[in-house]
N, C-alpha and C. Protein backbone atom coordinates (compact mmCIF):
# COMPACT_ATOMS: atom_id res chain seq x y z
N MET A 1 14.35 5.94 7.75
CA MET A 1 14.86 4.78 7.06
C MET A 1 16.65 5.01 6.83
N SER A 2 17.26 4.49 6.83
CA SER A 2 18.38 4.30 6.47
C SER A 2 18.72 4.45 5.00
N GLU A 3 19.47 5.62 4.81
CA GLU A 3 19.97 5.45 2.95
C GLU A 3 20.28 4.19 2.28
N GLN A 4 21.01 2.98 3.59
CA GLN A 4 21.09 1.96 2.45
C GLN A 4 19.77 1.17 2.99
N HIS A 5 19.79 0.69 3.85
CA HIS A 5 18.85 -0.27 4.50
C HIS A 5 17.63 -0.12 3.32
N ILE A 6 17.30 -1.30 2.93
CA ILE A 6 15.43 -1.40 2.33
C ILE A 6 15.07 -2.28 2.69
N PRO A 7 13.87 -2.41 3.71
CA PRO A 7 13.07 -3.42 3.64
C PRO A 7 12.53 -4.28 3.06
N THR A 8 12.44 -5.76 2.91
CA THR A 8 11.73 -6.32 1.93
C THR A 8 11.00 -7.64 2.31
N PRO A 9 9.39 -7.24 3.03
CA PRO A 9 9.20 -5.78 2.92
C PRO A 9 8.69 -4.88 3.42
N TYR A 10 8.13 -3.84 2.84
CA TYR A 10 8.36 -2.68 4.22
C TYR A 10 7.01 -3.51 5.35
N VAL A 11 6.96 -3.09 6.38
CA VAL A 11 5.98 -3.24 7.49
C VAL A 11 5.38 -2.40 7.90
N GLY A 12 4.14 -2.31 8.18
CA GLY A 12 2.79 -1.29 8.68
C GLY A 12 2.26 -1.96 9.30
N TYR A 13 2.00 -1.37 10.88
CA TYR A 13 0.94 -1.65 11.66
C TYR A 13 -0.26 -1.06 11.92
N SER A 14 -1.23 -1.73 12.40
CA SER A 14 -2.66 -1.01 12.94
C SER A 14 -3.70 -1.46 13.94
N LEU A 15 -5.01 -1.17 13.85
CA LEU A 15 -5.70 -1.97 14.46
C LEU A 15 -7.16 -1.57 14.26
N VAL A 16 -8.02 -2.60 14.14
CA VAL A 16 -9.09 -2.69 13.44
C VAL A 16 -9.90 -1.52 14.63
N LYS A 17 -10.39 -0.34 14.16
CA LYS A 17 -11.10 0.44 14.91
C LYS A 17 -12.83 0.37 15.28
N PRO A 18 -13.04 0.59 16.54
CA PRO A 18 -14.60 0.02 16.52
C PRO A 18 -15.28 0.66 14.96
N GLU A 19 -14.78 1.81 14.70
CA GLU A 19 -15.56 2.92 13.68
C GLU A 19 -15.73 2.07 12.47
N TRP A 20 -14.88 1.62 12.52
CA TRP A 20 -14.14 0.74 11.03
C TRP A 20 -15.26 -0.88 10.76
N LEU A 21 -16.36 -0.99 11.68
CA LEU A 21 -17.09 -2.02 11.70
C LEU A 21 -18.20 -1.71 11.18
N ASP A 22 -18.98 -2.99 10.25
CA ASP A 22 -20.07 -2.68 9.89
C ASP A 22 -21.50 -3.30 10.45
N ALA A 23 -22.61 -3.49 10.03
CA ALA A 23 -23.72 -3.97 9.96
C ALA A 23 -23.95 -5.93 10.34
N ASN A 24 -22.30 -6.43 9.79
CA ASN A 24 -21.71 -7.61 10.25
C ASN A 24 -21.28 -7.86 11.09
N GLY A 25 -20.94 -6.84 11.49
CA GLY A 25 -19.97 -7.00 13.10
C GLY A 25 -18.41 -7.15 12.73
N HIS A 26 -17.71 -7.04 11.46
CA HIS A 26 -16.51 -7.25 11.06
C HIS A 26 -16.08 -6.00 10.43
N MET A 27 -14.53 -5.92 9.82
CA MET A 27 -14.18 -4.72 9.05
C MET A 27 -15.09 -4.74 7.83
N ASN A 28 -16.01 -3.50 7.65
CA ASN A 28 -16.21 -3.19 6.25
C ASN A 28 -15.32 -2.94 5.43
N VAL A 29 -15.61 -3.28 4.23
CA VAL A 29 -14.94 -3.51 3.25
C VAL A 29 -14.00 -2.03 2.98
N ALA A 30 -14.38 -1.24 3.10
CA ALA A 30 -13.95 -0.04 3.00
C ALA A 30 -12.47 0.93 3.58
N HIS A 31 -13.01 0.18 5.04
CA HIS A 31 -12.03 0.36 5.83
C HIS A 31 -10.60 -0.65 5.49
N TYR A 32 -10.45 -1.45 4.69
CA TYR A 32 -9.25 -2.18 4.13
C TYR A 32 -8.33 -1.72 3.66
N VAL A 33 -9.13 -0.29 2.85
CA VAL A 33 -8.32 0.78 2.34
C VAL A 33 -7.38 1.71 3.34
N SER A 34 -8.10 1.76 4.27
CA SER A 34 -7.59 2.53 5.70
C SER A 34 -6.43 1.59 6.37
N ALA A 35 -6.39 0.77 6.27
CA ALA A 35 -5.63 -0.21 6.86
C ALA A 35 -4.37 0.05 5.93
N TYR A 36 -4.33 -0.44 4.94
CA TYR A 36 -3.20 -0.46 3.83
C TYR A 36 -3.32 0.79 3.82
N ASP A 37 -3.75 2.23 4.08
CA ASP A 37 -2.80 3.07 4.05
C ASP A 37 -1.87 3.45 5.24
N ASP A 38 -2.38 2.80 6.05
CA ASP A 38 -2.13 2.77 7.43
C ASP A 38 -0.06 2.05 7.05
N GLY A 39 -0.68 0.81 6.77
CA GLY A 39 0.76 0.35 6.26
C GLY A 39 2.00 0.24 5.62
N SER A 40 1.09 1.38 4.65
CA SER A 40 2.24 1.81 3.45
C SER A 40 2.95 2.90 3.80
N CYS A 41 3.20 3.36 5.00
CA CYS A 41 3.56 4.33 5.56
C CYS A 41 4.65 4.19 6.12
N PRO A 42 5.50 3.08 5.96
CA PRO A 42 6.74 3.38 6.14
C PRO A 42 7.62 3.26 4.70
N MET A 43 6.90 2.71 3.83
CA MET A 43 7.63 2.67 2.61
C MET A 43 7.64 4.44 1.98
N PHE A 44 6.36 4.82 1.90
CA PHE A 44 6.34 6.18 1.54
C PHE A 44 7.24 7.49 2.40
N ASP A 45 7.37 7.22 3.39
CA ASP A 45 7.98 7.99 4.09
C ASP A 45 9.09 7.97 3.99
N ASP A 46 9.96 6.66 3.62
CA ASP A 46 11.23 6.31 3.02
C ASP A 46 11.43 6.87 1.68
N PHE A 47 10.89 7.11 0.84
CA PHE A 47 10.83 7.90 -0.41
C PHE A 47 10.71 8.85 -0.67
N GLY A 48 10.21 9.24 0.87
CA GLY A 48 10.15 10.70 1.20
C GLY A 48 8.74 11.26 0.54
N LEU A 49 7.72 10.89 0.26
CA LEU A 49 6.28 11.15 -0.42
C LEU A 49 5.10 11.12 0.97
N GLY A 50 5.39 10.80 1.97
CA GLY A 50 4.41 10.12 2.68
C GLY A 50 3.80 11.61 3.52
N TRP A 51 2.93 11.49 4.56
CA TRP A 51 1.98 12.64 4.76
C TRP A 51 2.95 14.10 5.37
N ASP A 52 4.44 13.90 5.68
CA ASP A 52 5.11 14.93 6.04
C ASP A 52 4.92 15.69 4.73
N TYR A 53 5.17 14.99 3.25
CA TYR A 53 5.32 15.49 2.54
C TYR A 53 3.84 16.45 1.93
N THR A 54 2.55 15.63 1.91
CA THR A 54 2.09 16.30 1.80
C THR A 54 1.52 17.62 2.55
N HIS A 55 1.83 17.68 3.70
CA HIS A 55 1.33 18.65 4.67
C HIS A 55 2.07 19.97 4.64
N ARG A 56 3.06 19.57 3.28
CA ARG A 56 4.39 20.92 2.87
C ARG A 56 3.22 21.50 1.98
N GLY A 57 2.27 20.74 1.22
CA GLY A 57 1.29 21.71 1.06
C GLY A 57 1.35 21.74 -0.93
N GLU A 58 2.91 21.54 -1.21
CA GLU A 58 2.98 21.50 -2.55
C GLU A 58 2.29 20.06 -3.63
N ALA A 59 2.47 19.25 -2.69
CA ALA A 59 1.64 17.88 -3.79
C ALA A 59 1.82 16.71 -2.89
N SER A 60 1.26 15.43 -3.50
CA SER A 60 0.47 14.36 -2.85
C SER A 60 0.88 13.27 -3.70
N MET A 61 0.40 12.02 -3.25
CA MET A 61 0.36 10.86 -3.71
C MET A 61 -1.19 10.61 -3.57
N PHE A 62 -1.59 10.26 -4.94
CA PHE A 62 -2.96 10.14 -5.38
C PHE A 62 -3.46 8.71 -5.52
N MET A 63 -4.40 7.68 -4.83
CA MET A 63 -4.58 6.57 -5.38
C MET A 63 -5.92 6.50 -6.64
N VAL A 64 -4.82 5.97 -7.88
CA VAL A 64 -5.94 5.73 -8.98
C VAL A 64 -6.53 4.84 -9.46
N SER A 65 -6.16 3.27 -8.86
CA SER A 65 -6.42 2.58 -9.33
C SER A 65 -5.88 1.82 -8.04
N SER A 66 -6.80 0.22 -7.86
CA SER A 66 -6.99 -0.88 -6.95
C SER A 66 -7.50 -1.97 -7.36
N SER A 67 -6.89 -3.22 -6.60
CA SER A 67 -7.62 -4.48 -6.26
C SER A 67 -7.02 -4.86 -5.01
N ILE A 68 -8.41 -5.25 -4.86
CA ILE A 68 -8.49 -5.65 -3.07
C ILE A 68 -9.08 -7.46 -2.79
N ASP A 69 -8.53 -8.43 -3.03
CA ASP A 69 -9.54 -9.52 -2.52
C ASP A 69 -9.17 -9.95 -0.30
N PHE A 70 -10.22 -10.10 -0.24
CA PHE A 70 -10.57 -10.61 1.05
C PHE A 70 -10.41 -11.82 1.43
N ARG A 71 -9.78 -12.20 2.54
CA ARG A 71 -9.61 -13.76 2.40
C ARG A 71 -10.38 -14.09 4.08
N HIS A 72 -9.99 -13.40 4.81
CA HIS A 72 -10.74 -14.17 6.32
C HIS A 72 -10.81 -12.69 6.80
N GLU A 73 -12.04 -12.83 7.92
CA GLU A 73 -12.79 -11.61 8.48
C GLU A 73 -11.87 -10.94 9.62
N LEU A 74 -12.30 -9.83 10.22
CA LEU A 74 -11.75 -9.13 10.72
C LEU A 74 -12.41 -8.30 11.89
N MET A 75 -12.35 -8.32 13.19
CA MET A 75 -13.31 -7.69 14.56
C MET A 75 -12.44 -6.84 14.92
N ALA A 76 -13.29 -6.03 15.90
CA ALA A 76 -13.11 -4.80 16.25
C ALA A 76 -11.71 -5.10 17.23
N GLY A 77 -11.01 -4.31 17.09
CA GLY A 77 -9.56 -4.65 18.08
C GLY A 77 -8.19 -5.45 17.54
N ASP A 78 -9.00 -6.47 16.34
CA ASP A 78 -7.70 -6.68 15.90
C ASP A 78 -6.36 -6.22 15.41
N PRO A 79 -5.49 -6.78 15.93
CA PRO A 79 -4.00 -6.03 15.54
C PRO A 79 -3.67 -6.69 13.99
N LEU A 80 -2.97 -5.65 13.15
CA LEU A 80 -2.97 -5.57 11.96
C LEU A 80 -1.52 -5.58 11.70
N GLU A 81 -1.11 -6.63 10.75
CA GLU A 81 0.58 -5.76 10.30
C GLU A 81 -0.03 -6.12 8.43
N MET A 82 0.56 -5.40 7.99
CA MET A 82 0.66 -4.95 6.15
C MET A 82 2.11 -4.67 6.18
N SER A 83 2.62 -5.59 4.75
CA SER A 83 3.62 -6.11 4.50
C SER A 83 3.19 -4.70 2.87
N THR A 84 4.23 -4.22 2.26
CA THR A 84 4.18 -3.71 1.15
C THR A 84 5.48 -4.01 0.55
N LEU A 85 5.44 -4.31 -1.00
CA LEU A 85 6.22 -4.50 -1.88
C LEU A 85 6.25 -3.15 -3.08
N LEU A 86 7.29 -2.88 -3.26
CA LEU A 86 7.34 -1.80 -4.99
C LEU A 86 7.27 -3.02 -6.09
N LEU A 87 6.20 -2.53 -6.72
CA LEU A 87 6.41 -3.20 -7.57
C LEU A 87 6.76 -2.52 -9.33
N GLY A 88 6.94 -1.66 -9.15
CA GLY A 88 7.06 -0.93 -10.41
C GLY A 88 6.83 0.90 -10.29
N TYR A 89 7.60 2.04 -10.84
CA TYR A 89 7.32 3.41 -10.98
C TYR A 89 7.45 4.14 -12.13
N ASP A 90 7.32 4.65 -12.46
CA ASP A 90 7.59 5.74 -13.47
C ASP A 90 8.01 7.43 -12.87
N ARG A 91 8.11 8.39 -13.80
CA ARG A 91 8.68 9.54 -13.09
C ARG A 91 6.96 10.27 -11.98
N ARG A 92 6.11 9.74 -12.78
CA ARG A 92 4.31 10.04 -11.93
C ARG A 92 3.49 8.77 -11.27
N ARG A 93 3.89 7.76 -11.22
CA ARG A 93 3.25 6.76 -10.88
C ARG A 93 4.18 5.74 -9.82
N ILE A 94 3.51 5.01 -8.99
CA ILE A 94 3.86 4.31 -8.21
C ILE A 94 3.02 2.65 -8.34
N HIS A 95 3.44 1.83 -8.47
CA HIS A 95 2.68 0.55 -8.67
C HIS A 95 3.25 -0.37 -7.40
N ILE A 96 2.15 -0.46 -5.86
CA ILE A 96 2.81 -1.65 -5.30
C ILE A 96 1.73 -2.61 -4.90
N TYR A 97 2.48 -3.73 -4.38
CA TYR A 97 1.55 -4.83 -3.96
C TYR A 97 1.41 -4.98 -2.35
N GLN A 98 0.32 -5.51 -1.44
CA GLN A 98 -0.16 -5.01 -0.18
C GLN A 98 -0.43 -6.38 0.19
N GLU A 99 0.27 -7.08 1.48
CA GLU A 99 -0.63 -8.31 2.30
C GLU A 99 -0.75 -7.70 3.46
N LEU A 100 -2.13 -7.80 3.88
CA LEU A 100 -3.00 -7.46 5.42
C LEU A 100 -3.11 -8.88 6.17
N TYR A 101 -2.13 -8.49 6.86
CA TYR A 101 -2.25 -10.19 8.25
C TYR A 101 -2.62 -9.87 9.59
N HIS A 102 -3.45 -10.80 10.00
CA HIS A 102 -4.10 -10.99 11.66
C HIS A 102 -2.45 -11.05 12.43
N ARG A 103 -1.94 -9.60 13.20
CA ARG A 103 -0.48 -9.94 13.33
C ARG A 103 -0.14 -10.81 14.46
N GLU A 104 -1.28 -11.56 15.32
CA GLU A 104 -1.22 -12.22 16.13
C GLU A 104 -1.46 -13.90 15.96
N GLN A 105 -2.98 -13.92 15.16
CA GLN A 105 -3.01 -15.40 14.67
C GLN A 105 -2.58 -15.19 13.55
N ARG A 106 -1.43 -14.91 12.87
CA ARG A 106 -0.90 -15.05 11.15
C ARG A 106 -2.02 -15.01 10.17
N PHE A 107 -2.76 -14.71 10.00
CA PHE A 107 -3.47 -15.25 8.76
C PHE A 107 -3.50 -14.04 8.16
N LEU A 108 -3.61 -14.66 6.99
CA LEU A 108 -3.52 -13.34 5.58
C LEU A 108 -5.16 -13.41 5.32
N SER A 109 -5.45 -11.82 5.71
CA SER A 109 -6.89 -11.55 5.73
C SER A 109 -7.29 -10.78 4.27
N ALA A 110 -6.65 -10.05 3.73
CA ALA A 110 -6.07 -9.69 2.00
C ALA A 110 -5.30 -9.38 1.55
N GLN A 111 -5.48 -9.19 0.32
CA GLN A 111 -4.14 -8.83 -0.33
C GLN A 111 -4.64 -7.86 -1.38
N ALA A 112 -3.73 -6.70 -1.86
CA ALA A 112 -4.21 -5.87 -2.60
C ALA A 112 -2.84 -5.24 -3.36
N GLU A 113 -3.35 -4.45 -5.03
CA GLU A 113 -2.29 -3.91 -5.21
C GLU A 113 -3.06 -2.42 -5.59
N PHE A 114 -2.36 -1.52 -5.62
CA PHE A 114 -2.48 -0.35 -5.74
C PHE A 114 -1.88 0.26 -6.84
N VAL A 115 -2.63 1.77 -7.99
CA VAL A 115 -1.43 2.00 -8.27
C VAL A 115 -1.41 4.04 -7.89
N PHE A 116 -0.51 4.47 -7.31
CA PHE A 116 -0.69 6.14 -7.10
C PHE A 116 -0.24 6.91 -7.95
N VAL A 117 -0.80 8.01 -8.43
CA VAL A 117 -0.06 9.11 -9.19
C VAL A 117 0.22 10.33 -8.14
N HIS A 118 0.94 11.09 -8.65
CA HIS A 118 1.93 12.17 -8.04
C HIS A 118 0.71 13.51 -8.44
N ILE A 119 0.63 14.45 -7.53
CA ILE A 119 -0.59 15.17 -7.82
C ILE A 119 0.03 16.83 -7.32
N SER A 120 0.32 17.46 -8.65
CA SER A 120 0.64 18.69 -7.74
C SER A 120 -0.56 19.58 -7.36
N PHE A 121 -0.51 19.72 -5.88
CA PHE A 121 -1.67 21.07 -5.72
C PHE A 121 -2.03 22.36 -6.22
N ALA A 122 -1.37 22.90 -6.76
CA ALA A 122 -0.93 23.88 -7.62
C ALA A 122 -2.29 23.79 -8.95
N THR A 123 -1.79 23.00 -9.93
CA THR A 123 -2.67 22.47 -10.75
C THR A 123 -3.77 21.31 -10.86
N ARG A 124 -3.43 20.34 -9.56
CA ARG A 124 -4.33 19.11 -9.22
C ARG A 124 -4.04 18.44 -10.89
N ARG A 125 -3.10 18.40 -11.16
CA ARG A 125 -2.89 17.23 -12.13
C ARG A 125 -1.49 16.36 -11.80
N ALA A 126 -1.46 15.30 -12.79
CA ALA A 126 -0.42 14.51 -12.63
C ALA A 126 1.40 15.45 -12.72
N SER A 127 2.12 15.01 -11.83
CA SER A 127 3.49 16.18 -11.75
C SER A 127 4.61 14.87 -11.58
N VAL A 128 5.51 15.33 -11.99
CA VAL A 128 6.70 14.37 -11.95
C VAL A 128 7.17 14.66 -10.51
N MET A 129 7.54 13.56 -10.00
CA MET A 129 7.90 13.17 -8.50
C MET A 129 9.46 13.93 -8.30
N PRO A 130 9.77 14.66 -6.62
CA PRO A 130 11.21 15.17 -7.14
C PRO A 130 12.55 14.25 -7.30
N ASP A 131 13.37 14.47 -7.61
CA ASP A 131 14.47 13.89 -7.87
C ASP A 131 14.95 12.76 -6.68
N SER A 132 14.99 13.40 -6.03
CA SER A 132 15.16 12.47 -4.14
C SER A 132 14.46 11.35 -4.64
N ALA A 133 12.96 11.46 -4.60
CA ALA A 133 11.99 10.25 -4.05
C ALA A 133 12.38 9.22 -5.43
N LEU A 134 12.74 9.89 -6.78
CA LEU A 134 12.59 9.23 -7.76
C LEU A 134 14.18 8.18 -7.39
N ALA A 135 15.12 8.91 -7.15
CA ALA A 135 16.56 8.29 -6.88
C ALA A 135 16.44 7.12 -5.76
N ARG A 136 15.18 7.19 -4.73
CA ARG A 136 15.09 5.99 -3.57
C ARG A 136 14.30 5.15 -4.04
N LEU A 137 13.21 5.74 -4.92
CA LEU A 137 12.21 4.29 -5.60
C LEU A 137 13.58 3.46 -6.19
N ALA A 138 14.62 4.16 -7.18
CA ALA A 138 15.42 3.50 -7.90
C ALA A 138 16.04 2.40 -7.32
N ALA A 139 16.46 2.91 -6.07
CA ALA A 139 16.92 2.05 -4.93
C ALA A 139 16.25 0.73 -4.47
N ILE A 140 14.99 1.22 -4.29
CA ILE A 140 13.56 0.18 -3.68
C ILE A 140 13.64 -0.75 -4.70
N GLN A 141 13.36 -0.50 -5.91
CA GLN A 141 12.67 -1.24 -7.28
C GLN A 141 14.36 -2.33 -7.54
N ALA A 142 15.53 -1.88 -7.14
CA ALA A 142 16.41 -2.49 -7.01
C ALA A 142 16.26 -3.68 -6.30
N VAL A 143 16.22 -3.96 -4.82
CA VAL A 143 15.93 -4.47 -4.09
C VAL A 143 14.96 -5.49 -4.40
N HIS A 144 13.44 -4.46 -4.39
CA HIS A 144 11.97 -5.53 -4.38
C HIS A 144 12.32 -6.28 -5.82
N ALA A 145 12.88 -5.97 -7.07
CA ALA A 145 12.58 -6.42 -8.02
C ALA A 145 13.10 -7.95 -7.96
N GLN A 146 13.97 -8.60 -6.71
CA GLN A 146 14.75 -9.84 -6.61
C GLN A 146 13.59 -10.52 -5.83
N VAL A 147 12.14 -10.06 -5.10
CA VAL A 147 11.20 -11.05 -4.45
C VAL A 147 10.77 -11.16 -6.07
N PRO A 148 9.89 -12.62 -5.74
CA PRO A 148 9.11 -12.73 -6.74
C PRO A 148 7.74 -12.36 -7.05
N ARG A 149 7.16 -11.75 -8.17
CA ARG A 149 5.87 -11.35 -8.69
C ARG A 149 4.98 -11.91 -7.75
N PRO A 150 4.16 -11.51 -7.09
CA PRO A 150 2.69 -12.61 -6.53
C PRO A 150 2.14 -12.87 -7.58
N ALA A 151 1.57 -13.84 -7.34
CA ALA A 151 0.45 -14.47 -8.77
C ALA A 151 -0.68 -13.43 -8.62
N PHE A 152 -1.18 -13.00 -7.32
CA PHE A 152 -2.04 -11.91 -7.59
C PHE A 152 -2.47 -10.95 -8.24
N VAL A 153 -0.78 -10.04 -8.60
CA VAL A 153 -0.67 -9.15 -9.36
C VAL A 153 -0.71 -9.11 -10.68
N GLY A 154 -1.96 -8.50 -10.91
CA GLY A 154 -2.33 -8.09 -12.40
C GLY A 154 -3.09 -8.93 -13.20
N ARG A 155 -3.95 -9.86 -11.66
CA ARG A 155 -4.78 -10.63 -12.51
C ARG A 155 -6.27 -10.33 -13.31
N ALA A 156 -7.05 -10.73 -13.66
CA ALA A 156 -8.33 -10.63 -14.23
C ALA A 156 -9.20 -10.64 -12.65
N ILE A 157 -10.34 -10.27 -13.16
CA ILE A 157 -11.32 -10.28 -12.14
C ILE A 157 -12.43 -10.93 -12.69
N GLY A 158 -13.27 -11.83 -12.34
CA GLY A 158 -14.37 -12.29 -13.23
C GLY A 158 -14.49 -13.65 -12.36
N LEU A 159 -16.14 -13.78 -12.74
CA LEU A 159 -16.52 -15.34 -12.22
C LEU A 159 -15.81 -16.48 -12.16
N GLU A 160 -14.97 -16.37 -12.96
CA GLU A 160 -14.03 -17.86 -13.55
C GLU A 160 -12.73 -17.83 -12.71
N TRP A 161 -12.48 -16.68 -12.20
CA TRP A 161 -10.93 -16.34 -11.69
C TRP A 161 -11.20 -17.12 -10.04
N LYS A 162 -10.60 -18.02 -9.62
CA LYS A 162 -10.34 -18.94 -8.17
C LYS A 162 -9.10 -18.42 -7.39
N PRO A 163 -9.51 -18.41 -6.24
CA PRO A 163 -7.72 -18.04 -5.75
C PRO A 163 -7.26 -18.91 -5.22
N ALA A 164 -5.78 -18.67 -5.18
CA ALA A 164 -4.61 -19.82 -5.17
C ALA A 164 -4.48 -20.73 -4.02
């Protein structure tokens, strides 16, 4: 990604793989996280903490919290599009919001928020992200902060909650 251009939102793509199906014949809930992981790669790559960073062997981003709502089932071969917004960050953590769409039929299949923490492989503990990543995150946050915060973010879960 260009140093100046910041997608709002970042967009990533995937496909419902046959091995992602469950006994109901649709994408199993566990694999929505796999799809979201695929979809978040463009943003994580942009700020330098994607899989290339992980493979260098010093540190990685670990998911530590998630909230996902499922809106519409997906079937084998369905093309996916995931949008990603940065909600916040500090020196060790990143908070994002994602939506997962059927790429052709354009329905919202799921929405989610995730918190990641930067983990040192040497200590297996939270560690400060590299300065270059923090600088790029600041630039992304300045742009993404202009997007209205989705009502989904930070909501409580329980039997009284109803989707908008």
